[in-house]
Protein backbone atom coordinates (compact mmCIF):
# COMPACT_ATOMS: atom_id res chain seq x y z
CA MET A 1 -123.76 138.49 44.59
CA LYS A 2 -126.82 137.66 42.49
CA ASN A 3 -127.26 134.36 44.38
CA THR A 4 -127.04 136.16 47.71
CA ILE A 5 -129.78 138.60 46.72
CA LEU A 6 -131.95 135.77 45.47
CA LEU A 7 -131.43 133.79 48.70
CA PHE A 8 -132.29 136.88 50.75
CA ALA A 9 -135.48 137.45 48.71
CA PHE A 10 -136.59 133.83 49.23
CA CYS A 11 -135.93 134.11 52.96
CA LEU A 12 -138.08 137.24 53.17
CA LEU A 13 -140.82 135.61 51.14
CA GLY A 14 -140.80 132.55 53.39
CA PHE A 15 -140.84 134.65 56.56
CA GLY A 16 -143.68 136.83 55.29
CA THR A 17 -145.75 133.80 54.27
CA ASN A 18 -145.18 132.23 57.70
CA VAL A 19 -146.29 135.41 59.50
CA LEU A 20 -149.41 135.68 57.34
CA ALA A 21 -150.28 132.03 57.98
CA GLN A 22 -149.89 132.50 61.74
CA ASN A 23 -152.07 135.63 61.74
CA ALA A 24 -154.75 133.95 59.63
CA THR A 25 -155.09 131.08 62.11
CA ALA A 26 -154.61 133.05 65.32
CA THR A 27 -157.73 133.25 67.46
CA PRO A 28 -158.22 136.71 68.93
CA ILE A 29 -158.38 137.05 72.68
CA HIS A 30 -161.44 139.03 73.69
CA LYS A 31 -160.68 141.26 76.69
CA VAL A 32 -163.65 142.73 78.55
CA VAL A 33 -163.66 144.97 81.62
CA ILE A 34 -166.99 145.26 83.40
CA GLN A 35 -167.58 148.23 85.72
CA LEU A 36 -170.10 147.73 88.53
CA ASN A 37 -170.98 150.48 91.00
CA SER A 38 -174.68 149.88 91.68
CA ALA A 39 -176.24 148.67 94.93
CA ASP A 40 -179.00 147.07 92.85
CA THR A 41 -178.67 143.31 93.38
CA ALA A 42 -180.41 142.73 90.03
CA ALA A 43 -177.42 144.45 88.40
CA TRP A 44 -175.12 142.09 90.30
CA GLY A 45 -176.98 139.09 88.90
CA GLY A 46 -176.82 140.71 85.47
CA VAL A 47 -173.03 140.81 85.67
CA ILE A 48 -172.92 137.09 86.46
CA GLY A 49 -175.32 136.40 83.58
CA ASN A 50 -173.29 138.49 81.12
CA ILE A 51 -170.12 136.66 82.07
CA LYS A 52 -171.75 133.25 81.63
CA ASN A 53 -173.21 134.26 78.26
CA LEU A 54 -169.87 135.60 76.98
CA SER A 55 -168.19 132.41 78.17
CA LYS A 56 -170.61 130.35 76.07
CA ILE A 57 -169.70 132.08 72.83
CA TRP A 58 -165.97 132.40 73.59
CA PRO A 59 -165.13 129.51 75.93
CA THR A 60 -161.35 129.55 75.40
CA ASN A 61 -160.32 133.00 74.19
CA LEU A 62 -161.86 135.39 76.70
CA ASN A 63 -160.41 137.48 79.52
CA ILE A 64 -162.86 139.20 81.85
CA GLU A 65 -162.17 141.59 84.70
CA VAL A 66 -164.98 142.92 86.87
CA VAL A 67 -164.17 146.16 88.68
CA VAL A 68 -166.44 146.84 91.65
CA HIS A 69 -166.58 150.17 93.44
CA GLY A 70 -168.97 152.54 95.16
CA LYS A 71 -172.27 151.18 96.42
CA ALA A 72 -171.72 147.86 94.63
CA LEU A 73 -168.91 146.81 96.97
CA ASP A 74 -171.23 144.52 98.98
CA PHE A 75 -171.34 142.32 95.85
CA LEU A 76 -167.83 141.17 96.83
CA VAL A 77 -168.25 141.16 100.65
CA ALA A 78 -168.63 137.53 101.68
CA ALA A 79 -171.13 138.18 104.50
CA LYS A 80 -173.33 140.46 102.36
CA SER A 81 -173.41 138.91 98.89
CA HIS A 82 -175.88 136.29 97.70
CA LEU A 83 -173.55 135.48 94.77
CA VAL A 84 -170.49 134.19 96.63
CA ALA A 85 -170.64 130.74 94.98
CA ASP A 86 -170.94 132.31 91.51
CA VAL A 87 -167.98 134.63 92.09
CA GLU A 88 -165.85 131.74 93.38
CA GLN A 89 -166.84 129.48 90.47
CA LEU A 90 -166.12 132.13 87.84
CA SER A 91 -162.83 133.04 89.54
CA LYS A 92 -161.72 129.42 89.18
CA LYS A 93 -162.41 129.77 85.45
CA GLY A 94 -160.16 132.83 85.19
CA VAL A 95 -162.55 135.73 85.68
CA VAL A 96 -160.90 138.42 87.81
CA PHE A 97 -163.01 140.28 90.36
CA ASN A 98 -161.43 143.47 91.72
CA ALA A 99 -162.62 145.57 94.65
CA CYS A 100 -161.72 149.25 94.81
CA GLU A 101 -159.46 150.03 97.78
CA ASN A 102 -160.73 153.64 97.88
CA THR A 103 -164.28 152.37 98.39
CA MET A 104 -163.12 149.74 100.86
CA GLY A 105 -161.57 152.50 102.98
CA LYS A 106 -164.69 154.65 102.72
CA TYR A 107 -166.93 151.85 104.02
CA GLY A 108 -164.47 150.21 106.44
CA ILE A 109 -164.19 146.99 104.42
CA THR A 110 -161.00 144.95 104.84
CA LYS A 111 -159.50 142.41 102.44
CA GLN A 112 -160.43 139.66 104.92
CA MET A 113 -164.12 140.60 104.57
CA LEU A 114 -164.09 140.02 100.81
CA ILE A 115 -164.82 136.75 99.04
CA PRO A 116 -161.49 134.84 99.19
CA SER A 117 -160.86 134.83 95.42
CA VAL A 118 -161.33 138.60 95.07
CA PHE A 119 -158.40 140.92 94.35
CA THR A 120 -158.13 144.63 95.09
CA VAL A 121 -157.02 147.63 93.05
CA PRO A 122 -156.10 151.07 94.39
CA SER A 123 -158.82 152.83 92.36
CA GLY A 124 -161.78 151.21 90.62
CA VAL A 125 -162.25 153.97 88.07
CA GLY A 126 -158.48 154.13 87.57
CA GLU A 127 -158.42 150.39 86.80
CA VAL A 128 -161.20 150.78 84.24
CA ILE A 129 -159.27 153.58 82.54
CA LEU A 130 -156.07 151.51 82.47
CA LYS A 131 -157.88 148.56 80.89
CA GLN A 132 -159.45 150.80 78.24
CA GLU A 133 -156.04 152.29 77.45
CA GLU A 134 -154.79 148.70 76.96
CA GLY A 135 -157.56 148.08 74.41
CA TRP A 136 -160.07 146.19 76.58
CA SER A 137 -163.76 146.40 75.65
CA TYR A 138 -165.85 148.19 78.27
CA LEU A 139 -169.21 147.18 79.71
CA ARG A 140 -170.99 149.19 82.36
CA ALA A 141 -173.28 147.12 84.57
CA GLY A 142 -176.48 148.44 86.10
CA TYR A 143 -178.63 151.50 85.57
């Protein structure tokens, strides 16, 4: 009985040490949701700049989602955006760009009109809230 208790204690000690070692070496994943709803094209360029700057300091442990709604929707419309190449390049690196379906309906924008790598979400503000509830850091672009 005494040997069994001792064996159990050593197993717990070994497991606890292993968990602590894993946590000490684990690199945190930074999760950032950026909300953009401004028609100001300078704000659009600011979003691209912020993403590139964050990617410099955290090149391998960063998740970014850009949620675009309201008057900013043209940022993701292929025929209206001057940043198509930037959006495509960053999408290939894992940045997610989401267009609000509510706004798309309001302005008559279809999925086919968006930059090909862009995704859609039912509600832009709803998506931002969901990400914050999941612990994502929040950045508001513009203004």
